[in-house]
Each structure stands twice: as structure tokens, then as C-alpha cells.
């Protein structure tokens, strides 16, 4: 289909530096975060002749955030806002090429202005990477938490262990890996 070919071209070639590291469908548009400190917005308009319109926002107010090693970027919708979640890792001394998550930062994106501001409190919301929930409605989910599996190091001889970290008023519950062989 021509429409999907157009989307593939926009996703793959619209960035000056690096490729797409995360994509989400939000408010009838695709939002992409690129490794090169850019947000892509793709609007697919339906009809007899579907059209694709796109624009690229350069996040110039904090480019340093995108020039660090061992960092992952995610887009998530929380309470009708689009958030950029940044996950920082540190090298594990006991595992070659192993990385542990050491902190997360959350920013609210203003797609019109091309800016973002740091958020230190999610209120009653809880982020599961790729989604969010209203914490009081789910038994066992704590408000102002981020839940994720630590996928930096993917080997099948690891067990999962729950760890809790508090950073800048935001509690992060992570599933980190324990090496049974050490």
C-alpha cells in the first residue's frame, strides 16, 4: 500500500541524526522520538485518497539529554498529556556489556512549541512503559510510580527481583535482574 510506504519513508528518513527510538499513537497522530533530539509528528488523514502530513520538532532546549550513553527514551500518554520518559543506565561491573537502570526523568512535551518541562510528580497516575493507569482503581498499584522490566541485559539465565528507587519525588519500581551464576 502506498500509505504504508509513505509512513516507512517518513519514519526512516525524516531525522537528521539517528533513527527512531520510540513511537506512540496519540490523539489520532503518530509521535516518534528520534535519537537526534527530535520529535516527529505524523498525521494520517483518511479518505478516498489518504494523505500523510508530517513535521519534525527539534528539541533544542535540552540537546544534552540526547547526547549521553546508556539512555533510553519512551513516549507515554498520561492524563491526556504526552510525556517523554528518559531512562538512564550505568554499566554493571560484574557483567560484560550489562547495564542497570539508575534513574528516570519525566518531561511533558509541548508539541506546538517544541519544548518540554521536567515533571517530578505523577499525582494519582502510574506509568507502565507504553501505558498508564489510574492507580486508585488498580489493587496493588502505587500512585506516582513507574513500573518497568530492566531490559538492558537480555540473557535467559537471570531471575527477576523487584527493587524500589526514589528520585526527585517520583518512586520507580523496577524489575531488575539477578545473576544466578555469580
C-alpha atoms as a PDB file:
ATOM      1  CA  UNK A   1       0.000   0.000   0.000  1.00  0.00           C
ATOM      2  CA  UNK A   2       1.261   3.444  -0.872  1.00  0.00           C
ATOM      3  CA  UNK A   3       0.173   4.861   2.507  1.00  0.00           C
ATOM      4  CA  UNK A   4       2.396   2.453   4.458  1.00  0.00           C
ATOM      5  CA  UNK A   5       5.292   3.088   2.088  1.00  0.00           C
ATOM      6  CA  UNK A   6       4.922   6.836   2.777  1.00  0.00           C
ATOM      7  CA  UNK A   7       4.931   6.184   6.529  1.00  0.00           C
ATOM      8  CA  UNK A   8       8.009   3.990   6.247  1.00  0.00           C
ATOM      9  CA  UNK A   9       9.868   6.726   4.386  1.00  0.00           C
ATOM     10  CA  UNK A  10       8.846   9.370   6.929  1.00  0.00           C
ATOM     11  CA  UNK A  11       9.866   7.206   9.878  1.00  0.00           C
ATOM     12  CA  UNK A  12      13.184   6.167   8.416  1.00  0.00           C
ATOM     13  CA  UNK A  13      14.447   9.282   6.670  1.00  0.00           C
ATOM     14  CA  UNK A  14      12.991  12.304   8.415  1.00  0.00           C
ATOM     15  CA  UNK A  15      15.674  12.610  11.084  1.00  0.00           C
ATOM     16  CA  UNK A  16      18.974  14.415  10.693  1.00  0.00           C
ATOM     17  CA  UNK A  17      20.782  12.347  13.335  1.00  0.00           C
ATOM     18  CA  UNK A  18      19.956   8.774  14.297  1.00  0.00           C
ATOM     19  CA  UNK A  19      16.809   6.795  13.876  1.00  0.00           C
ATOM     20  CA  UNK A  20      13.551   6.326  15.727  1.00  0.00           C
ATOM     21  CA  UNK A  21      13.924   5.075  19.280  1.00  0.00           C
ATOM     22  CA  UNK A  22      10.221   5.047  20.265  1.00  0.00           C
ATOM     23  CA  UNK A  23       6.823   5.671  18.692  1.00  0.00           C
ATOM     24  CA  UNK A  24       3.305   6.105  20.097  1.00  0.00           C
ATOM     25  CA  UNK A  25      -0.155   6.743  18.645  1.00  0.00           C
ATOM     26  CA  UNK A  26      -1.633   9.729  20.497  1.00  0.00           C
ATOM     27  CA  UNK A  27      -4.642  11.914  19.661  1.00  0.00           C
ATOM     28  CA  UNK A  28      -5.022  10.477  16.139  1.00  0.00           C
ATOM     29  CA  UNK A  29      -1.355  11.036  15.254  1.00  0.00           C
ATOM     30  CA  UNK A  30       1.875   9.082  15.399  1.00  0.00           C
ATOM     31  CA  UNK A  31       4.559  10.637  17.600  1.00  0.00           C
ATOM     32  CA  UNK A  32       8.156   9.492  17.231  1.00  0.00           C
ATOM     33  CA  UNK A  33      11.176  10.322  19.346  1.00  0.00           C
ATOM     34  CA  UNK A  34      14.458  10.243  17.434  1.00  0.00           C
ATOM     35  CA  UNK A  35      17.925   9.701  18.898  1.00  0.00           C
ATOM     36  CA  UNK A  36      18.894  13.106  17.490  1.00  0.00           C
ATOM     37  CA  UNK A  37      16.757  15.206  19.922  1.00  0.00           C
ATOM     38  CA  UNK A  38      13.771  15.405  17.593  1.00  0.00           C
ATOM     39  CA  UNK A  39      10.088  14.595  17.822  1.00  0.00           C
ATOM     40  CA  UNK A  40       8.304  13.568  14.641  1.00  0.00           C
ATOM     41  CA  UNK A  41       4.549  14.004  14.272  1.00  0.00           C
ATOM     42  CA  UNK A  42       2.798  12.061  11.525  1.00  0.00           C
ATOM     43  CA  UNK A  43      -0.850  12.745  10.749  1.00  0.00           C
ATOM     44  CA  UNK A  44      -2.522  10.175   8.508  1.00  0.00           C
ATOM     45  CA  UNK A  45      -5.681  11.653   7.028  1.00  0.00           C
ATOM     46  CA  UNK A  46      -8.329   9.165   5.974  1.00  0.00           C
ATOM     47  CA  UNK A  47     -10.450   9.365   2.859  1.00  0.00           C
ATOM     48  CA  UNK A  48     -10.616   8.065  -0.708  1.00  0.00           C
ATOM     49  CA  UNK A  49      -7.032   9.304  -1.198  1.00  0.00           C
ATOM     50  CA  UNK A  50      -5.354   9.007   2.230  1.00  0.00           C
ATOM     51  CA  UNK A  51      -2.732  11.667   2.850  1.00  0.00           C
ATOM     52  CA  UNK A  52       0.208  11.749   5.181  1.00  0.00           C
ATOM     53  CA  UNK A  53       1.368  15.030   6.685  1.00  0.00           C
ATOM     54  CA  UNK A  54       4.376  15.245   8.938  1.00  0.00           C
ATOM     55  CA  UNK A  55       6.510  17.698  10.811  1.00  0.00           C
ATOM     56  CA  UNK A  56       9.697  17.474  12.790  1.00  0.00           C
ATOM     57  CA  UNK A  57      10.290  19.334  16.051  1.00  0.00           C
ATOM     58  CA  UNK A  58      13.874  19.950  17.142  1.00  0.00           C
ATOM     59  CA  UNK A  59      14.194  19.828  20.928  1.00  0.00           C
ATOM     60  CA  UNK A  60      16.896  22.464  21.098  1.00  0.00           C
ATOM     61  CA  UNK A  61      16.268  23.500  24.713  1.00  0.00           C
ATOM     62  CA  UNK A  62      17.992  20.384  26.117  1.00  0.00           C
ATOM     63  CA  UNK A  63      20.048  18.658  23.429  1.00  0.00           C
ATOM     64  CA  UNK A  64      22.494  17.385  26.069  1.00  0.00           C
ATOM     65  CA  UNK A  65      19.799  14.983  27.249  1.00  0.00           C
ATOM     66  CA  UNK A  66      20.137  13.202  23.893  1.00  0.00           C
ATOM     67  CA  UNK A  67      23.927  13.035  23.768  1.00  0.00           C
ATOM     68  CA  UNK A  68      24.546  10.657  26.668  1.00  0.00           C
ATOM     69  CA  UNK A  69      25.367   6.974  26.553  1.00  0.00           C
ATOM     70  CA  UNK A  70      23.199   4.258  28.115  1.00  0.00           C
ATOM     71  CA  UNK A  71      19.963   6.234  27.793  1.00  0.00           C
ATOM     72  CA  UNK A  72      16.567   5.046  26.521  1.00  0.00           C
ATOM     73  CA  UNK A  73      13.654   7.293  25.501  1.00  0.00           C
ATOM     74  CA  UNK A  74       9.935   6.486  25.649  1.00  0.00           C
ATOM     75  CA  UNK A  75       6.746   8.380  24.864  1.00  0.00           C
ATOM     76  CA  UNK A  76       3.683   7.713  27.008  1.00  0.00           C
ATOM     77  CA  UNK A  77       0.272   9.335  27.386  1.00  0.00           C
ATOM     78  CA  UNK A  78      -0.702  10.180  30.963  1.00  0.00           C
ATOM     79  CA  UNK A  79      -3.911  12.047  31.800  1.00  0.00           C
ATOM     80  CA  UNK A  80      -4.221  13.449  28.279  1.00  0.00           C
ATOM     81  CA  UNK A  81      -0.618  14.720  28.256  1.00  0.00           C
ATOM     82  CA  UNK A  82       2.238  13.379  26.153  1.00  0.00           C
ATOM     83  CA  UNK A  83       5.279  12.599  28.287  1.00  0.00           C
ATOM     84  CA  UNK A  84       8.863  11.835  27.379  1.00  0.00           C
ATOM     85  CA  UNK A  85      10.309   9.303  29.808  1.00  0.00           C
ATOM     86  CA  UNK A  86      14.109   9.139  29.891  1.00  0.00           C
ATOM     87  CA  UNK A  87      15.742   6.086  31.448  1.00  0.00           C
ATOM     88  CA  UNK A  88      19.423   6.339  32.399  1.00  0.00           C
ATOM     89  CA  UNK A  89      21.663   3.311  32.786  1.00  0.00           C
ATOM     90  CA  UNK A  90      25.044   2.585  34.288  1.00  0.00           C
ATOM     91  CA  UNK A  91      27.445  -0.186  33.384  1.00  0.00           C
ATOM     92  CA  UNK A  92      27.359  -3.263  35.603  1.00  0.00           C
ATOM     93  CA  UNK A  93      30.836  -4.104  36.882  1.00  0.00           C
ATOM     94  CA  UNK A  94      30.001  -7.805  37.244  1.00  0.00           C
ATOM     95  CA  UNK A  95      28.571  -8.401  33.755  1.00  0.00           C
ATOM     96  CA  UNK A  96      30.266  -7.659  30.445  1.00  0.00           C
ATOM     97  CA  UNK A  97      28.069  -5.290  28.416  1.00  0.00           C
ATOM     98  CA  UNK A  98      25.495  -5.324  31.241  1.00  0.00           C
ATOM     99  CA  UNK A  99      23.639  -2.123  32.145  1.00  0.00           C
ATOM    100  CA  UNK A 100      21.384  -1.356  35.122  1.00  0.00           C
ATOM    101  CA  UNK A 101      18.806   1.405  35.207  1.00  0.00           C
ATOM    102  CA  UNK A 102      19.930   4.011  37.735  1.00  0.00           C
ATOM    103  CA  UNK A 103      17.296   6.753  37.329  1.00  0.00           C
ATOM    104  CA  UNK A 104      14.375   8.034  35.262  1.00  0.00           C
ATOM    105  CA  UNK A 105      13.337  11.544  34.340  1.00  0.00           C
ATOM    106  CA  UNK A 106       9.904  12.538  33.037  1.00  0.00           C
ATOM    107  CA  UNK A 107       9.157  15.536  30.809  1.00  0.00           C
ATOM    108  CA  UNK A 108       5.860  16.876  29.486  1.00  0.00           C
ATOM    109  CA  UNK A 109       6.092  17.666  25.787  1.00  0.00           C
ATOM    110  CA  UNK A 110       4.619  20.757  24.223  1.00  0.00           C
ATOM    111  CA  UNK A 111       4.435  19.669  20.591  1.00  0.00           C
ATOM    112  CA  UNK A 112       3.358  23.118  19.407  1.00  0.00           C
ATOM    113  CA  UNK A 113       6.297  24.972  20.987  1.00  0.00           C
ATOM    114  CA  UNK A 114       8.796  22.135  20.626  1.00  0.00           C
ATOM    115  CA  UNK A 115       9.706  22.355  24.318  1.00  0.00           C
ATOM    116  CA  UNK A 116       9.485  20.088  27.310  1.00  0.00           C
ATOM    117  CA  UNK A 117       9.455  20.641  31.064  1.00  0.00           C
ATOM    118  CA  UNK A 118      10.526  18.209  33.754  1.00  0.00           C
ATOM    119  CA  UNK A 119       7.820  16.619  35.907  1.00  0.00           C
ATOM    120  CA  UNK A 120       8.583  15.311  39.393  1.00  0.00           C
ATOM    121  CA  UNK A 121       5.119  14.105  40.391  1.00  0.00           C
ATOM    122  CA  UNK A 122       2.588  11.991  38.508  1.00  0.00           C
ATOM    123  CA  UNK A 123      -0.190  12.533  41.061  1.00  0.00           C
ATOM    124  CA  UNK A 124      -2.508   9.506  41.159  1.00  0.00           C
ATOM    125  CA  UNK A 125      -1.116   8.109  37.914  1.00  0.00           C
ATOM    126  CA  UNK A 126       1.261   5.202  37.500  1.00  0.00           C
ATOM    127  CA  UNK A 127       3.295   4.636  34.350  1.00  0.00           C
ATOM    128  CA  UNK A 128       3.773   1.215  32.841  1.00  0.00           C
ATOM    129  CA  UNK A 129       6.094   1.732  29.892  1.00  0.00           C
ATOM    130  CA  UNK A 130       3.824   2.203  26.917  1.00  0.00           C
ATOM    131  CA  UNK A 131       0.746   2.880  29.044  1.00  0.00           C
ATOM    132  CA  UNK A 132      -0.543   4.390  32.272  1.00  0.00           C
ATOM    133  CA  UNK A 133      -3.289   3.620  34.787  1.00  0.00           C
ATOM    134  CA  UNK A 134      -5.364   5.448  37.380  1.00  0.00           C
ATOM    135  CA  UNK A 135      -3.640   3.967  40.463  1.00  0.00           C
ATOM    136  CA  UNK A 136      -6.581   4.044  42.914  1.00  0.00           C
ATOM    137  CA  UNK A 137      -8.576   1.825  40.538  1.00  0.00           C
ATOM    138  CA  UNK A 138      -5.979  -0.985  40.431  1.00  0.00           C
ATOM    139  CA  UNK A 139      -5.267  -3.060  43.536  1.00  0.00           C
ATOM    140  CA  UNK A 140      -1.564  -3.109  44.324  1.00  0.00           C
ATOM    141  CA  UNK A 141      -0.561  -0.251  42.023  1.00  0.00           C
ATOM    142  CA  UNK A 142       1.016   2.650  43.873  1.00  0.00           C
ATOM    143  CA  UNK A 143       0.450   6.231  42.696  1.00  0.00           C
ATOM    144  CA  UNK A 144       3.412   8.278  41.474  1.00  0.00           C
ATOM    145  CA  UNK A 145       5.321   5.136  40.420  1.00  0.00           C
ATOM    146  CA  UNK A 146       6.900   3.924  37.196  1.00  0.00           C
ATOM    147  CA  UNK A 147       6.904   0.166  36.546  1.00  0.00           C
ATOM    148  CA  UNK A 148       9.185  -1.481  34.007  1.00  0.00           C
ATOM    149  CA  UNK A 149      11.347  -4.502  33.403  1.00  0.00           C
ATOM    150  CA  UNK A 150      15.041  -3.755  33.223  1.00  0.00           C
ATOM    151  CA  UNK A 151      15.760  -4.921  29.693  1.00  0.00           C
ATOM    152  CA  UNK A 152      19.276  -3.577  29.289  1.00  0.00           C
ATOM    153  CA  UNK A 153      20.752  -7.047  29.524  1.00  0.00           C
ATOM    154  CA  UNK A 154      18.780  -9.881  27.942  1.00  0.00           C
ATOM    155  CA  UNK A 155      20.087 -13.306  28.937  1.00  0.00           C
ATOM    156  CA  UNK A 156      17.876 -16.255  29.776  1.00  0.00           C
ATOM    157  CA  UNK A 157      19.736 -17.341  32.925  1.00  0.00           C
ATOM    158  CA  UNK A 158      18.518 -14.450  35.057  1.00  0.00           C
ATOM    159  CA  UNK A 159      15.711 -14.236  37.613  1.00  0.00           C
ATOM    160  CA  UNK A 160      13.685 -11.088  38.213  1.00  0.00           C
ATOM    161  CA  UNK A 161      13.833  -9.191  41.502  1.00  0.00           C
ATOM    162  CA  UNK A 162      11.812  -6.139  42.498  1.00  0.00           C
ATOM    163  CA  UNK A 163      13.677  -3.016  43.569  1.00  0.00           C
ATOM    164  CA  UNK A 164      12.337   0.379  44.597  1.00  0.00           C
ATOM    165  CA  UNK A 165      14.087   3.669  43.973  1.00  0.00           C
ATOM    166  CA  UNK A 166      13.040   7.187  44.943  1.00  0.00           C
ATOM    167  CA  UNK A 167      14.248  10.044  42.779  1.00  0.00           C
ATOM    168  CA  UNK A 168      13.128  13.681  42.837  1.00  0.00           C
ATOM    169  CA  UNK A 169       9.781  12.857  44.452  1.00  0.00           C
ATOM    170  CA  UNK A 170       8.963  10.100  41.952  1.00  0.00           C
ATOM    171  CA  UNK A 171       9.090   6.459  43.046  1.00  0.00           C
ATOM    172  CA  UNK A 172      10.354   3.978  40.490  1.00  0.00           C
ATOM    173  CA  UNK A 173       9.573   0.302  40.964  1.00  0.00           C
ATOM    174  CA  UNK A 174      11.726  -1.700  38.657  1.00  0.00           C
ATOM    175  CA  UNK A 175      12.191  -5.327  37.883  1.00  0.00           C
ATOM    176  CA  UNK A 176      15.925  -5.826  37.850  1.00  0.00           C
ATOM    177  CA  UNK A 177      17.834  -8.955  37.037  1.00  0.00           C
ATOM    178  CA  UNK A 178      19.904 -11.099  39.396  1.00  0.00           C
ATOM    179  CA  UNK A 179      22.598 -13.349  38.024  1.00  0.00           C
ATOM    180  CA  UNK A 180      22.236 -16.850  39.473  1.00  0.00           C
ATOM    181  CA  UNK A 181      25.650 -17.899  38.235  1.00  0.00           C
ATOM    182  CA  UNK A 182      27.688 -15.475  40.321  1.00  0.00           C
END
